[in-house]
PDB file of all heavy atoms in Angstrom:
ATOM      1  N   TYR A   1       0.825  -1.201  -0.003  1.00  0.00           N
ATOM      2  CA  TYR A   1       0.006   0.008  -0.011  1.00  0.00           C
ATOM      3  C   TYR A   1       0.867   1.271  -0.003  1.00  0.00           C
ATOM      4  O   TYR A   1       1.951   1.298   0.601  1.00  0.00           O
ATOM      5  CB  TYR A   1      -0.879   0.054   1.260  1.00  0.00           C
ATOM      6  CG  TYR A   1      -1.956  -1.000   1.330  1.00  0.00           C
ATOM      7  CD1 TYR A   1      -1.710  -2.210   2.010  1.00  0.00           C
ATOM      8  CD2 TYR A   1      -3.205  -0.792   0.742  1.00  0.00           C
ATOM      9  CE1 TYR A   1      -2.690  -3.172   2.077  1.00  0.00           C
ATOM     10  CE2 TYR A   1      -4.180  -1.758   0.816  1.00  0.00           C
ATOM     11  CZ  TYR A   1      -3.917  -2.939   1.506  1.00  0.00           C
ATOM     12  OH  TYR A   1      -4.906  -3.899   1.587  1.00  0.00           O
ATOM     13  N   ALA A   2       0.347   2.302  -0.622  1.00  0.00           N
ATOM     14  CA  ALA A   2       0.938   3.630  -0.444  1.00  0.00           C
ATOM     15  C   ALA A   2       0.755   4.061   0.997  1.00  0.00           C
ATOM     16  O   ALA A   2      -0.272   3.722   1.632  1.00  0.00           O
ATOM     17  CB  ALA A   2       0.275   4.619  -1.389  1.00  0.00           C
ATOM     18  N   ASP A   3       1.730   4.742   1.549  1.00  0.00           N
ATOM     19  CA  ASP A   3       1.663   5.162   2.954  1.00  0.00           C
ATOM     20  C   ASP A   3       0.400   5.975   3.241  1.00  0.00           C
ATOM     21  O   ASP A   3      -0.194   5.878   4.299  1.00  0.00           O
ATOM     22  CB  ASP A   3       2.893   5.981   3.301  1.00  0.00           C
ATOM     23  CG  ASP A   3       4.152   5.145   3.417  1.00  0.00           C
ATOM     24  OD1 ASP A   3       4.032   3.895   3.562  1.00  0.00           O
ATOM     25  OD2 ASP A   3       5.252   5.722   3.362  1.00  0.00           O
ATOM     26  N   SER A   4      -0.043   6.738   2.251  1.00  0.00           N
ATOM     27  CA  SER A   4      -1.157   7.644   2.462  1.00  0.00           C
ATOM     28  C   SER A   4      -2.485   6.931   2.633  1.00  0.00           C
ATOM     29  O   SER A   4      -3.445   7.556   3.118  1.00  0.00           O
ATOM     30  CB  SER A   4      -1.240   8.625   1.297  1.00  0.00           C
ATOM     31  OG  SER A   4      -1.453   7.942   0.082  1.00  0.00           O
ATOM     32  N   VAL A   5      -2.561   5.658   2.261  1.00  0.00           N
ATOM     33  CA  VAL A   5      -3.845   4.948   2.339  1.00  0.00           C
ATOM     34  C   VAL A   5      -3.797   3.795   3.337  1.00  0.00           C
ATOM     35  O   VAL A   5      -4.814   3.139   3.578  1.00  0.00           O
ATOM     36  CB  VAL A   5      -4.277   4.407   0.957  1.00  0.00           C
ATOM     37  CG1 VAL A   5      -4.288   5.552  -0.064  1.00  0.00           C
ATOM     38  CG2 VAL A   5      -3.423   3.253   0.489  1.00  0.00           C
ATOM     39  N   LYS A   6      -2.648   3.528   3.923  1.00  0.00           N
ATOM     40  CA  LYS A   6      -2.567   2.423   4.871  1.00  0.00           C
ATOM     41  C   LYS A   6      -3.508   2.625   6.045  1.00  0.00           C
ATOM     42  O   LYS A   6      -3.634   3.701   6.614  1.00  0.00           O
ATOM     43  CB  LYS A   6      -1.137   2.334   5.393  1.00  0.00           C
ATOM     44  CG  LYS A   6      -0.134   1.729   4.418  1.00  0.00           C
ATOM     45  CD  LYS A   6       1.272   1.654   5.020  1.00  0.00           C
ATOM     46  CE  LYS A   6       2.253   1.068   4.025  1.00  0.00           C
ATOM     47  NZ  LYS A   6       3.633   1.058   4.542  1.00  0.00           N
ATOM     48  N   GLY A   7      -4.209   1.546   6.365  1.00  0.00           N
ATOM     49  CA  GLY A   7      -5.184   1.614   7.456  1.00  0.00           C
ATOM     50  C   GLY A   7      -6.545   2.086   7.051  1.00  0.00           C
ATOM     51  O   GLY A   7      -7.497   1.972   7.812  1.00  0.00           O
ATOM     52  N   ARG A   8      -6.671   2.609   5.840  1.00  0.00           N
ATOM     53  CA  ARG A   8      -7.986   3.094   5.335  1.00  0.00           C
ATOM     54  C   ARG A   8      -8.481   2.279   4.145  1.00  0.00           C
ATOM     55  O   ARG A   8      -9.692   2.086   3.979  1.00  0.00           O
ATOM     56  CB  ARG A   8      -7.873   4.563   4.948  1.00  0.00           C
ATOM     57  CG  ARG A   8      -7.468   5.485   6.087  1.00  0.00           C
ATOM     58  CD  ARG A   8      -7.555   6.953   5.659  1.00  0.00           C
ATOM     59  NE  ARG A   8      -6.652   7.278   4.581  1.00  0.00           N
ATOM     60  CZ  ARG A   8      -7.042   7.788   3.408  1.00  0.00           C
ATOM     61  NH1 ARG A   8      -8.332   8.006   3.159  1.00  0.00           N
ATOM     62  NH2 ARG A   8      -6.159   8.082   2.484  1.00  0.00           N
ATOM     63  N   PHE A   9      -7.553   1.881   3.286  1.00  0.00           N
ATOM     64  CA  PHE A   9      -7.916   1.134   2.048  1.00  0.00           C
ATOM     65  C   PHE A   9      -7.533  -0.325   2.201  1.00  0.00           C
ATOM     66  O   PHE A   9      -6.509  -0.632   2.848  1.00  0.00           O
ATOM     67  CB  PHE A   9      -7.201   1.723   0.838  1.00  0.00           C
ATOM     68  CG  PHE A   9      -7.650   3.090   0.389  1.00  0.00           C
ATOM     69  CD1 PHE A   9      -8.460   3.895   1.206  1.00  0.00           C
ATOM     70  CD2 PHE A   9      -7.256   3.585  -0.836  1.00  0.00           C
ATOM     71  CE1 PHE A   9      -8.855   5.158   0.802  1.00  0.00           C
ATOM     72  CE2 PHE A   9      -7.645   4.837  -1.240  1.00  0.00           C
ATOM     73  CZ  PHE A   9      -8.427   5.636  -0.425  1.00  0.00           C
ATOM     74  N   THR A  10      -8.313  -1.177   1.560  1.00  0.00           N
ATOM     75  CA  THR A  10      -8.017  -2.608   1.539  1.00  0.00           C
ATOM     76  C   THR A  10      -8.156  -3.119   0.137  1.00  0.00           C
ATOM     77  O   THR A  10      -9.208  -2.969  -0.508  1.00  0.00           O
ATOM     78  CB  THR A  10      -8.970  -3.392   2.467  1.00  0.00           C
ATOM     79  OG1 THR A  10      -8.864  -2.887   3.784  1.00  0.00           O
ATOM     80  CG2 THR A  10      -8.605  -4.858   2.445  1.00  0.00           C
ATOM     81  N   VAL A  11      -7.071  -3.743  -0.354  1.00  0.00           N
ATOM     82  CA  VAL A  11      -7.102  -4.372  -1.682  1.00  0.00           C
ATOM     83  C   VAL A  11      -7.303  -5.866  -1.493  1.00  0.00           C
ATOM     84  O   VAL A  11      -6.766  -6.465  -0.573  1.00  0.00           O
ATOM     85  CB  VAL A  11      -5.805  -4.074  -2.460  1.00  0.00           C
ATOM     86  CG1 VAL A  11      -4.580  -4.626  -1.777  1.00  0.00           C
ATOM     87  CG2 VAL A  11      -5.918  -4.576  -3.920  1.00  0.00           C
ATOM     88  N   SER A  12      -8.124  -6.447  -2.370  1.00  0.00           N
ATOM     89  CA  SER A  12      -8.375  -7.913  -2.299  1.00  0.00           C
ATOM     90  C   SER A  12      -8.610  -8.379  -3.706  1.00  0.00           C
ATOM     91  O   SER A  12      -8.789  -7.598  -4.664  1.00  0.00           O
ATOM     92  CB  SER A  12      -9.567  -8.214  -1.388  1.00  0.00           C
ATOM     93  OG  SER A  12     -10.749  -7.586  -1.902  1.00  0.00           O
ATOM     94  N   ARG A  13      -8.619  -9.706  -3.874  1.00  0.00           N
ATOM     95  CA  ARG A  13      -8.850 -10.271  -5.203  1.00  0.00           C
ATOM     96  C   ARG A  13      -9.579 -11.575  -5.084  1.00  0.00           C
ATOM     97  O   ARG A  13      -9.468 -12.279  -4.051  1.00  0.00           O
ATOM     98  CB  ARG A  13      -7.499 -10.458  -5.953  1.00  0.00           C
ATOM     99  CG  ARG A  13      -6.535 -11.401  -5.286  1.00  0.00           C
ATOM    100  CD  ARG A  13      -5.161 -11.360  -5.995  1.00  0.00           C
ATOM    101  NE  ARG A  13      -5.210 -12.033  -7.307  1.00  0.00           N
ATOM    102  CZ  ARG A  13      -4.222 -11.970  -8.177  1.00  0.00           C
ATOM    103  NH1 ARG A  13      -3.106 -11.295  -7.911  1.00  0.00           N
ATOM    104  NH2 ARG A  13      -4.319 -12.608  -9.333  1.00  0.00           N
ATOM    105  N   ASP A  14     -10.271 -11.927  -6.145  1.00  0.00           N
ATOM    106  CA  ASP A  14     -10.922 -13.193  -6.284  1.00  0.00           C
ATOM    107  C   ASP A  14     -10.314 -13.860  -7.505  1.00  0.00           C
ATOM    108  O   ASP A  14     -10.637 -13.496  -8.648  1.00  0.00           O
ATOM    109  CB  ASP A  14     -12.433 -13.000  -6.464  1.00  0.00           C
ATOM    110  CG  ASP A  14     -13.216 -14.316  -6.500  1.00  0.00           C
ATOM    111  OD1 ASP A  14     -12.613 -15.336  -6.928  1.00  0.00           O
ATOM    112  OD2 ASP A  14     -14.399 -14.287  -6.131  1.00  0.00           O
ATOM    113  N   ASN A  15      -9.433 -14.785  -7.287  1.00  0.00           N
ATOM    114  CA  ASN A  15      -8.703 -15.401  -8.401  1.00  0.00           C
ATOM    115  C   ASN A  15      -9.634 -16.200  -9.323  1.00  0.00           C
ATOM    116  O   ASN A  15      -9.380 -16.289 -10.536  1.00  0.00           O
ATOM    117  CB  ASN A  15      -7.588 -16.309  -7.879  1.00  0.00           C
ATOM    118  CG  ASN A  15      -6.493 -15.518  -7.192  1.00  0.00           C
ATOM    119  OD1 ASN A  15      -6.212 -14.353  -7.587  1.00  0.00           O
ATOM    120  ND2 ASN A  15      -5.863 -16.095  -6.207  1.00  0.00           N
ATOM    121  N   ALA A  16     -10.668 -16.775  -8.777  1.00  0.00           N
ATOM    122  CA  ALA A  16     -11.619 -17.536  -9.602  1.00  0.00           C
ATOM    123  C   ALA A  16     -12.356 -16.621 -10.591  1.00  0.00           C
ATOM    124  O   ALA A  16     -12.735 -17.056 -11.681  1.00  0.00           O
ATOM    125  CB  ALA A  16     -12.594 -18.291  -8.732  1.00  0.00           C
ATOM    126  N   LYS A  17     -12.537 -15.375 -10.191  1.00  0.00           N
ATOM    127  CA  LYS A  17     -13.253 -14.435 -11.032  1.00  0.00           C
ATOM    128  C   LYS A  17     -12.347 -13.456 -11.755  1.00  0.00           C
ATOM    129  O   LYS A  17     -12.813 -12.566 -12.462  1.00  0.00           O
ATOM    130  CB  LYS A  17     -14.258 -13.630 -10.160  1.00  0.00           C
ATOM    131  CG  LYS A  17     -15.363 -14.472  -9.543  1.00  0.00           C
ATOM    132  CD  LYS A  17     -16.320 -13.606  -8.752  1.00  0.00           C
ATOM    133  CE  LYS A  17     -17.447 -14.440  -8.164  1.00  0.00           C
ATOM    134  NZ  LYS A  17     -18.393 -13.607  -7.366  1.00  0.00           N
ATOM    135  N   ASN A  18     -11.037 -13.584 -11.530  1.00  0.00           N
ATOM    136  CA  ASN A  18     -10.062 -12.661 -12.116  1.00  0.00           C
ATOM    137  C   ASN A  18     -10.445 -11.204 -11.828  1.00  0.00           C
ATOM    138  O   ASN A  18     -10.412 -10.358 -12.711  1.00  0.00           O
ATOM    139  CB  ASN A  18      -9.946 -12.868 -13.620  1.00  0.00           C
ATOM    140  CG  ASN A  18      -9.299 -14.207 -13.938  1.00  0.00           C
ATOM    141  OD1 ASN A  18      -8.347 -14.632 -13.291  1.00  0.00           O
ATOM    142  ND2 ASN A  18      -9.794 -14.884 -14.989  1.00  0.00           N
ATOM    143  N   THR A  19     -10.803 -10.971 -10.591  1.00  0.00           N
ATOM    144  CA  THR A  19     -11.296  -9.645 -10.209  1.00  0.00           C
ATOM    145  C   THR A  19     -10.494  -9.131  -8.996  1.00  0.00           C
ATOM    146  O   THR A  19     -10.194  -9.885  -8.081  1.00  0.00           O
ATOM    147  CB  THR A  19     -12.793  -9.710  -9.852  1.00  0.00           C
ATOM    148  OG1 THR A  19     -13.527 -10.140 -10.991  1.00  0.00           O
ATOM    149  CG2 THR A  19     -13.311  -8.356  -9.425  1.00  0.00           C
ATOM    150  N   VAL A  20     -10.224  -7.836  -9.036  1.00  0.00           N
ATOM    151  CA  VAL A  20      -9.565  -7.178  -7.920  1.00  0.00           C
ATOM    152  C   VAL A  20     -10.462  -6.070  -7.409  1.00  0.00           C
ATOM    153  O   VAL A  20     -11.208  -5.462  -8.158  1.00  0.00           O
ATOM    154  CB  VAL A  20      -8.166  -6.592  -8.356  1.00  0.00           C
ATOM    155  CG1 VAL A  20      -8.312  -5.528  -9.461  1.00  0.00           C
ATOM    156  CG2 VAL A  20      -7.390  -6.058  -7.169  1.00  0.00           C
ATOM    157  N   TYR A  21     -10.424  -5.868  -6.116  1.00  0.00           N
ATOM    158  CA  TYR A  21     -11.261  -4.910  -5.435  1.00  0.00           C
ATOM    159  C   TYR A  21     -10.425  -3.915  -4.647  1.00  0.00           C
ATOM    160  O   TYR A  21      -9.353  -4.221  -4.215  1.00  0.00           O
ATOM    161  CB  TYR A  21     -12.229  -5.620  -4.470  1.00  0.00           C
ATOM    162  CG  TYR A  21     -13.047  -6.737  -5.101  1.00  0.00           C
ATOM    163  CD1 TYR A  21     -12.606  -8.058  -5.021  1.00  0.00           C
ATOM    164  CD2 TYR A  21     -14.223  -6.472  -5.744  1.00  0.00           C
ATOM    165  CE1 TYR A  21     -13.346  -9.090  -5.590  1.00  0.00           C
ATOM    166  CE2 TYR A  21     -14.975  -7.484  -6.319  1.00  0.00           C
ATOM    167  CZ  TYR A  21     -14.512  -8.802  -6.249  1.00  0.00           C
ATOM    168  OH  TYR A  21     -15.259  -9.801  -6.813  1.00  0.00           O
ATOM    169  N   LEU A  22     -11.018  -2.728  -4.435  1.00  0.00           N
ATOM    170  CA  LEU A  22     -10.403  -1.743  -3.577  1.00  0.00           C
ATOM    171  C   LEU A  22     -11.484  -1.193  -2.667  1.00  0.00           C
ATOM    172  O   LEU A  22     -12.387  -0.486  -3.157  1.00  0.00           O
ATOM    173  CB  LEU A  22      -9.706  -0.637  -4.341  1.00  0.00           C
ATOM    174  CG  LEU A  22      -8.941   0.368  -3.497  1.00  0.00           C
ATOM    175  CD1 LEU A  22      -7.728  -0.312  -2.842  1.00  0.00           C
ATOM    176  CD2 LEU A  22      -8.495   1.574  -4.337  1.00  0.00           C
ATOM    177  N   GLU A  23     -11.422  -1.531  -1.417  1.00  0.00           N
ATOM    178  CA  GLU A  23     -12.353  -0.999  -0.422  1.00  0.00           C
ATOM    179  C   GLU A  23     -11.733   0.261   0.185  1.00  0.00           C
ATOM    180  O   GLU A  23     -10.641   0.207   0.724  1.00  0.00           O
ATOM    181  CB  GLU A  23     -12.631  -2.064   0.651  1.00  0.00           C
ATOM    182  CG  GLU A  23     -13.716  -1.682   1.614  1.00  0.00           C
ATOM    183  CD  GLU A  23     -15.109  -1.852   1.001  1.00  0.00           C
ATOM    184  OE1 GLU A  23     -15.306  -2.798   0.195  1.00  0.00           O
ATOM    185  OE2 GLU A  23     -15.992  -1.036   1.293  1.00  0.00           O
ATOM    186  N   MET A  24     -12.425   1.377   0.047  1.00  0.00           N
ATOM    187  CA  MET A  24     -11.873   2.648   0.497  1.00  0.00           C
ATOM    188  C   MET A  24     -12.757   3.215   1.607  1.00  0.00           C
ATOM    189  O   MET A  24     -13.925   3.489   1.389  1.00  0.00           O
ATOM    190  CB  MET A  24     -11.805   3.646  -0.668  1.00  0.00           C
ATOM    191  CG  MET A  24     -10.974   3.164  -1.828  1.00  0.00           C
ATOM    192  SD  MET A  24     -10.841   4.333  -3.166  1.00  0.00           S
ATOM    193  CE  MET A  24     -12.498   4.244  -3.846  1.00  0.00           C
ATOM    194  N   ASN A  25     -12.184   3.336   2.797  1.00  0.00           N
ATOM    195  CA  ASN A  25     -12.879   3.887   3.952  1.00  0.00           C
ATOM    196  C   ASN A  25     -12.176   5.134   4.446  1.00  0.00           C
ATOM    197  O   ASN A  25     -11.002   5.357   4.136  1.00  0.00           O
ATOM    198  CB  ASN A  25     -12.909   2.847   5.061  1.00  0.00           C
ATOM    199  CG  ASN A  25     -13.663   1.588   4.653  1.00  0.00           C
ATOM    200  OD1 ASN A  25     -14.765   1.644   4.126  1.00  0.00           O
ATOM    201  ND2 ASN A  25     -13.078   0.441   4.922  1.00  0.00           N
TER     202      ASN A  25
END
């Protein structure tokens, strides 16, 4: 993660769906 988003953003992926997500709080 970039330092500016640590603790607020979460990246995840679903390999079966070839999809990546970014949860931004």
